[in-house]
Amino acid sequence: MDVGAVNSIVSTASALDQISLQSQVSTSVMKKTMDINESHAASLISMINQSPLATSGSVGTRINTTA
């Protein structure tokens, strides 16, 4: 086997390993980002549920519609 061919195979294998690692890191970062977003969404929903609704006054107690 030619030394150049062996070097080419080694370099290709190394490049594929690097691409695989980059893909794994990207996937890990994406999962962490999605977890953080899920946590923030849950916090926002919790805040909405804790907000009291307006029961008096003209703001938030009437629906103005026109046809």
PDB file of N, CA and C in Angstrom:
ATOM      1  N   MET A   1       0.842  -1.163   0.000  1.00  0.00           N
ATOM      2  CA  MET A   1       0.000   0.000   0.000  1.00  0.00           C
ATOM      3  C   MET A   1       0.897   1.238   0.000  1.00  0.00           C
ATOM      4  N   ASP A   2       0.479   2.218  -0.729  1.00  0.00           N
ATOM      5  CA  ASP A   2       1.226   3.464  -0.882  1.00  0.00           C
ATOM      6  C   ASP A   2       1.127   4.310   0.398  1.00  0.00           C
ATOM      7  N   VAL A   3       2.222   4.954   0.783  1.00  0.00           N
ATOM      8  CA  VAL A   3       2.260   5.790   1.985  1.00  0.00           C
ATOM      9  C   VAL A   3       1.287   6.965   1.838  1.00  0.00           C
ATOM     10  N   GLY A   4       1.197   7.509   0.644  1.00  0.00           N
ATOM     11  CA  GLY A   4       0.262   8.616   0.397  1.00  0.00           C
ATOM     12  C   GLY A   4      -1.176   8.191   0.615  1.00  0.00           C
ATOM     13  N   ALA A   5      -1.504   6.979   0.209  1.00  0.00           N
ATOM     14  CA  ALA A   5      -2.866   6.475   0.406  1.00  0.00           C
ATOM     15  C   ALA A   5      -3.162   6.280   1.887  1.00  0.00           C
ATOM     16  N   VAL A   6      -2.178   5.770   2.623  1.00  0.00           N
ATOM     17  CA  VAL A   6      -2.351   5.577   4.066  1.00  0.00           C
ATOM     18  C   VAL A   6      -2.559   6.928   4.746  1.00  0.00           C
ATOM     19  N   ASN A   7      -1.753   7.913   4.385  1.00  0.00           N
ATOM     20  CA  ASN A   7      -1.899   9.253   4.959  1.00  0.00           C
ATOM     21  C   ASN A   7      -3.272   9.836   4.628  1.00  0.00           C
ATOM     22  N   SER A   8      -3.741   9.588   3.434  1.00  0.00           N
ATOM     23  CA  SER A   8      -5.058  10.080   3.020  1.00  0.00           C
ATOM     24  C   SER A   8      -6.156   9.428   3.842  1.00  0.00           C
ATOM     25  N   ILE A   9      -6.045   8.138   4.072  1.00  0.00           N
ATOM     26  CA  ILE A   9      -7.041   7.414   4.874  1.00  0.00           C
ATOM     27  C   ILE A   9      -7.031   7.924   6.311  1.00  0.00           C
ATOM     28  N   VAL A  10      -5.839   8.108   6.861  1.00  0.00           N
ATOM     29  CA  VAL A  10      -5.718   8.601   8.235  1.00  0.00           C
ATOM     30  C   VAL A  10      -6.307  10.001   8.343  1.00  0.00           C
ATOM     31  N   SER A  11      -6.010  10.846   7.390  1.00  0.00           N
ATOM     32  CA  SER A  11      -6.517  12.219   7.431  1.00  0.00           C
ATOM     33  C   SER A  11      -8.026  12.243   7.271  1.00  0.00           C
ATOM     34  N   THR A  12      -8.585  11.376   6.448  1.00  0.00           N
ATOM     35  CA  THR A  12     -10.031  11.299   6.283  1.00  0.00           C
ATOM     36  C   THR A  12     -10.690  10.808   7.563  1.00  0.00           C
ATOM     37  N   ALA A  13     -10.120   9.797   8.189  1.00  0.00           N
ATOM     38  CA  ALA A  13     -10.665   9.279   9.445  1.00  0.00           C
ATOM     39  C   ALA A  13     -10.623  10.345  10.532  1.00  0.00           C
ATOM     40  N   SER A  14      -9.536  11.093  10.582  1.00  0.00           N
ATOM     41  CA  SER A  14      -9.408  12.166  11.570  1.00  0.00           C
ATOM     42  C   SER A  14     -10.454  13.249  11.334  1.00  0.00           C
ATOM     43  N   ALA A  15     -10.673  13.608  10.077  1.00  0.00           N
ATOM     44  CA  ALA A  15     -11.675  14.625   9.743  1.00  0.00           C
ATOM     45  C   ALA A  15     -13.076  14.145  10.121  1.00  0.00           C
ATOM     46  N   LEU A  16     -13.370  12.876   9.879  1.00  0.00           N
ATOM     47  CA  LEU A  16     -14.682  12.334  10.233  1.00  0.00           C
ATOM     48  C   LEU A  16     -14.889  12.326  11.738  1.00  0.00           C
ATOM     49  N   ASP A  17     -13.846  12.012  12.500  1.00  0.00           N
ATOM     50  CA  ASP A  17     -13.945  12.053  13.960  1.00  0.00           C
ATOM     51  C   ASP A  17     -14.224  13.469  14.444  1.00  0.00           C
ATOM     52  N   GLN A  18     -13.568  14.441  13.833  1.00  0.00           N
ATOM     53  CA  GLN A  18     -13.756  15.834  14.216  1.00  0.00           C
ATOM     54  C   GLN A  18     -15.182  16.282  13.900  1.00  0.00           C
ATOM     55  N   ILE A  19     -15.705  15.888  12.753  1.00  0.00           N
ATOM     56  CA  ILE A  19     -17.073  16.239  12.384  1.00  0.00           C
ATOM     57  C   ILE A  19     -18.056  15.596  13.352  1.00  0.00           C
ATOM     58  N   SER A  20     -17.799  14.360  13.729  1.00  0.00           N
ATOM     59  CA  SER A  20     -18.669  13.667  14.676  1.00  0.00           C
ATOM     60  C   SER A  20     -18.665  14.374  16.029  1.00  0.00           C
ATOM     61  N   LEU A  21     -17.503  14.771  16.494  1.00  0.00           N
ATOM     62  CA  LEU A  21     -17.397  15.482  17.769  1.00  0.00           C
ATOM     63  C   LEU A  21     -18.139  16.811  17.704  1.00  0.00           C
ATOM     64  N   GLN A  22     -17.961  17.557  16.608  1.00  0.00           N
ATOM     65  CA  GLN A  22     -18.651  18.837  16.455  1.00  0.00           C
ATOM     66  C   GLN A  22     -20.161  18.641  16.469  1.00  0.00           C
ATOM     67  N   SER A  23     -20.621  17.588  15.846  1.00  0.00           N
ATOM     68  CA  SER A  23     -22.049  17.289  15.822  1.00  0.00           C
ATOM     69  C   SER A  23     -22.561  16.975  17.226  1.00  0.00           C
ATOM     70  N   GLN A  24     -21.803  16.202  17.982  1.00  0.00           N
ATOM     71  CA  GLN A  24     -22.200  15.862  19.349  1.00  0.00           C
ATOM     72  C   GLN A  24     -22.250  17.104  20.229  1.00  0.00           C
ATOM     73  N   VAL A  25     -21.267  17.982  20.083  1.00  0.00           N
ATOM     74  CA  VAL A  25     -21.233  19.214  20.874  1.00  0.00           C
ATOM     75  C   VAL A  25     -22.417  20.103  20.507  1.00  0.00           C
ATOM     76  N   SER A  26     -22.687  20.236  19.223  1.00  0.00           N
ATOM     77  CA  SER A  26     -23.820  21.053  18.777  1.00  0.00           C
ATOM     78  C   SER A  26     -25.136  20.517  19.325  1.00  0.00           C
ATOM     79  N   THR A  27     -25.291  19.221  19.299  1.00  0.00           N
ATOM     80  CA  THR A  27     -26.511  18.603  19.825  1.00  0.00           C
ATOM     81  C   THR A  27     -26.641  18.845  21.322  1.00  0.00           C
ATOM     82  N   SER A  28     -25.541  18.741  22.032  1.00  0.00           N
ATOM     83  CA  SER A  28     -25.552  18.970  23.477  1.00  0.00           C
ATOM     84  C   SER A  28     -25.927  20.420  23.796  1.00  0.00           C
ATOM     85  N   VAL A  29     -25.357  21.358  23.076  1.00  0.00           N
ATOM     86  CA  VAL A  29     -25.666  22.777  23.292  1.00  0.00           C
ATOM     87  C   VAL A  29     -27.132  23.048  22.975  1.00  0.00           C
ATOM     88  N   MET A  30     -27.638  22.452  21.894  1.00  0.00           N
ATOM     89  CA  MET A  30     -29.037  22.645  21.521  1.00  0.00           C
ATOM     90  C   MET A  30     -29.967  22.103  22.605  1.00  0.00           C
ATOM     91  N   LYS A  31     -29.646  20.936  23.167  1.00  0.00           N
ATOM     92  CA  LYS A  31     -30.475  20.349  24.218  1.00  0.00           C
ATOM     93  C   LYS A  31     -30.488  21.237  25.461  1.00  0.00           C
ATOM     94  N   LYS A  32     -29.316  21.763  25.834  1.00  0.00           N
ATOM     95  CA  LYS A  32     -29.249  22.646  26.997  1.00  0.00           C
ATOM     96  C   LYS A  32     -30.045  23.921  26.759  1.00  0.00           C
ATOM     97  N   THR A  33     -29.963  24.465  25.557  1.00  0.00           N
ATOM     98  CA  THR A  33     -30.716  25.671  25.208  1.00  0.00           C
ATOM     99  C   THR A  33     -32.211  25.409  25.277  1.00  0.00           C
ATOM    100  N   MET A  34     -32.635  24.253  24.783  1.00  0.00           N
ATOM    101  CA  MET A  34     -34.055  23.910  24.832  1.00  0.00           C
ATOM    102  C   MET A  34     -34.522  23.732  26.271  1.00  0.00           C
ATOM    103  N   ASP A  35     -33.688  23.159  27.129  1.00  0.00           N
ATOM    104  CA  ASP A  35     -34.033  23.008  28.547  1.00  0.00           C
ATOM    105  C   ASP A  35     -34.194  24.371  29.218  1.00  0.00           C
ATOM    106  N   ILE A  36     -33.287  25.285  28.912  1.00  0.00           N
ATOM    107  CA  ILE A  36     -33.367  26.643  29.472  1.00  0.00           C
ATOM    108  C   ILE A  36     -34.637  27.335  28.992  1.00  0.00           C
ATOM    109  N   ASN A  37     -34.944  27.205  27.696  1.00  0.00           N
ATOM    110  CA  ASN A  37     -36.156  27.817  27.150  1.00  0.00           C
ATOM    111  C   ASN A  37     -37.406  27.232  27.800  1.00  0.00           C
ATOM    112  N   GLU A  38     -37.394  25.924  28.051  1.00  0.00           N
ATOM    113  CA  GLU A  38     -38.526  25.285  28.708  1.00  0.00           C
ATOM    114  C   GLU A  38     -38.716  25.845  30.115  1.00  0.00           C
ATOM    115  N   SER A  39     -37.608  26.037  30.814  1.00  0.00           N
ATOM    116  CA  SER A  39     -37.661  26.591  32.164  1.00  0.00           C
ATOM    117  C   SER A  39     -38.203  28.018  32.146  1.00  0.00           C
ATOM    118  N   HIS A  40     -37.751  28.818  31.199  1.00  0.00           N
ATOM    119  CA  HIS A  40     -38.223  30.210  31.102  1.00  0.00           C
ATOM    120  C   HIS A  40     -39.713  30.245  30.752  1.00  0.00           C
ATOM    121  N   ALA A  41     -40.145  29.379  29.851  1.00  0.00           N
ATOM    122  CA  ALA A  41     -41.559  29.338  29.488  1.00  0.00           C
ATOM    123  C   ALA A  41     -42.411  28.945  30.692  1.00  0.00           C
ATOM    124  N   ALA A  42     -41.948  27.975  31.466  1.00  0.00           N
ATOM    125  CA  ALA A  42     -42.683  27.559  32.663  1.00  0.00           C
ATOM    126  C   ALA A  42     -42.771  28.712  33.666  1.00  0.00           C
ATOM    127  N   SER A  43     -41.699  29.469  33.792  1.00  0.00           N
ATOM    128  CA  SER A  43     -41.712  30.626  34.702  1.00  0.00           C
ATOM    129  C   SER A  43     -42.709  31.676  34.236  1.00  0.00           C
ATOM    130  N   LEU A  44     -42.743  31.934  32.934  1.00  0.00           N
ATOM    131  CA  LEU A  44     -43.686  32.919  32.400  1.00  0.00           C
ATOM    132  C   LEU A  44     -45.127  32.476  32.603  1.00  0.00           C
ATOM    133  N   ILE A  45     -45.401  31.209  32.367  1.00  0.00           N
ATOM    134  CA  ILE A  45     -46.752  30.688  32.564  1.00  0.00           C
ATOM    135  C   ILE A  45     -47.138  30.785  34.037  1.00  0.00           C
ATOM    136  N   SER A  46     -46.204  30.490  34.909  1.00  0.00           N
ATOM    137  CA  SER A  46     -46.457  30.595  36.342  1.00  0.00           C
ATOM    138  C   SER A  46     -46.783  32.040  36.728  1.00  0.00           C
ATOM    139  N   MET A  47     -46.054  32.984  36.158  1.00  0.00           N
ATOM    140  CA  MET A  47     -46.306  34.390  36.455  1.00  0.00           C
ATOM    141  C   MET A  47     -47.685  34.821  35.963  1.00  0.00           C
ATOM    142  N   ILE A  48     -48.084  34.325  34.799  1.00  0.00           N
ATOM    143  CA  ILE A  48     -49.401  34.671  34.257  1.00  0.00           C
ATOM    144  C   ILE A  48     -50.494  34.122  35.160  1.00  0.00           C
ATOM    145  N   ASN A  49     -50.326  32.892  35.617  1.00  0.00           N
ATOM    146  CA  ASN A  49     -51.339  32.275  36.476  1.00  0.00           C
ATOM    147  C   ASN A  49     -51.456  32.970  37.827  1.00  0.00           C
ATOM    148  N   GLN A  50     -50.413  33.625  38.281  1.00  0.00           N
ATOM    149  CA  GLN A  50     -50.429  34.292  39.576  1.00  0.00           C
ATOM    150  C   GLN A  50     -51.010  35.694  39.497  1.00  0.00           C
ATOM    151  N   SER A  51     -51.103  36.252  38.286  1.00  0.00           N
ATOM    152  CA  SER A  51     -51.601  37.615  38.129  1.00  0.00           C
ATOM    153  C   SER A  51     -53.112  37.650  38.370  1.00  0.00           C
ATOM    154  N   PRO A  52     -53.564  38.550  39.252  1.00  0.00           N
ATOM    155  CA  PRO A  52     -55.009  38.667  39.477  1.00  0.00           C
ATOM    156  C   PRO A  52     -55.677  39.361  38.289  1.00  0.00           C
ATOM    157  N   LEU A  53     -56.878  38.947  37.977  1.00  0.00           N
ATOM    158  CA  LEU A  53     -57.633  39.579  36.903  1.00  0.00           C
ATOM    159  C   LEU A  53     -58.310  40.833  37.432  1.00  0.00           C
ATOM    160  N   ALA A  54     -58.498  41.787  36.537  1.00  0.00           N
ATOM    161  CA  ALA A  54     -59.189  43.018  36.918  1.00  0.00           C
ATOM    162  C   ALA A  54     -60.659  42.706  37.195  1.00  0.00           C
ATOM    163  N   THR A  55     -61.170  43.269  38.274  1.00  0.00           N
ATOM    164  CA  THR A  55     -62.581  43.048  38.618  1.00  0.00           C
ATOM    165  C   THR A  55     -63.370  44.349  38.644  1.00  0.00           C
ATOM    166  N   SER A  56     -62.685  45.472  38.592  1.00  0.00           N
ATOM    167  CA  SER A  56     -63.394  46.755  38.591  1.00  0.00           C
ATOM    168  C   SER A  56     -62.642  47.732  37.698  1.00  0.00           C
ATOM    169  N   GLY A  57     -63.319  48.813  37.329  1.00  0.00           N
ATOM    170  CA  GLY A  57     -62.713  49.812  36.469  1.00  0.00           C
ATOM    171  C   GLY A  57     -62.993  49.522  35.005  1.00  0.00           C
ATOM    172  N   SER A  58     -62.456  50.389  34.140  1.00  0.00           N
ATOM    173  CA  SER A  58     -62.741  50.246  32.715  1.00  0.00           C
ATOM    174  C   SER A  58     -61.632  49.494  31.966  1.00  0.00           C
ATOM    175  N   VAL A  59     -60.512  49.246  32.629  1.00  0.00           N
ATOM    176  CA  VAL A  59     -59.412  48.554  31.967  1.00  0.00           C
ATOM    177  C   VAL A  59     -59.434  47.079  32.343  1.00  0.00           C
ATOM    178  N   GLY A  60     -59.608  46.236  31.347  1.00  0.00           N
ATOM    179  CA  GLY A  60     -59.559  44.802  31.565  1.00  0.00           C
ATOM    180  C   GLY A  60     -60.855  44.159  32.005  1.00  0.00           C
ATOM    181  N   THR A  61     -61.911  44.945  32.102  1.00  0.00           N
ATOM    182  CA  THR A  61     -63.191  44.368  32.539  1.00  0.00           C
ATOM    183  C   THR A  61     -64.245  44.428  31.452  1.00  0.00           C
ATOM    184  N   ARG A  62     -63.976  45.130  30.366  1.00  0.00           N
ATOM    185  CA  ARG A  62     -64.948  45.289  29.291  1.00  0.00           C
ATOM    186  C   ARG A  62     -64.307  44.934  27.962  1.00  0.00           C
ATOM    187  N   ILE A  63     -65.137  44.410  27.087  1.00  0.00           N
ATOM    188  CA  ILE A  63     -64.686  44.132  25.716  1.00  0.00           C
ATOM    189  C   ILE A  63     -65.413  45.100  24.797  1.00  0.00           C
ATOM    190  N   ASN A  64     -64.656  45.918  24.087  1.00  0.00           N
ATOM    191  CA  ASN A  64     -65.235  46.863  23.142  1.00  0.00           C
ATOM    192  C   ASN A  64     -65.132  46.252  21.747  1.00  0.00           C
ATOM    193  N   THR A  65     -66.273  46.078  21.099  1.00  0.00           N
ATOM    194  CA  THR A  65     -66.270  45.514  19.753  1.00  0.00           C
ATOM    195  C   THR A  65     -67.076  46.405  18.825  1.00  0.00           C
ATOM    196  N   THR A  66     -66.699  46.417  17.584  1.00  0.00           N
ATOM    197  CA  THR A  66     -67.480  47.121  16.557  1.00  0.00           C
ATOM    198  C   THR A  66     -67.622  46.205  15.375  1.00  0.00           C
ATOM    199  N   ALA A  67     -68.738  46.359  14.676  1.00  0.00           N
ATOM    200  CA  ALA A  67     -68.965  45.500  13.519  1.00  0.00           C
ATOM    201  C   ALA A  67     -68.892  46.307  12.249  1.00  0.00           C
TER     202      ALA A  67
END
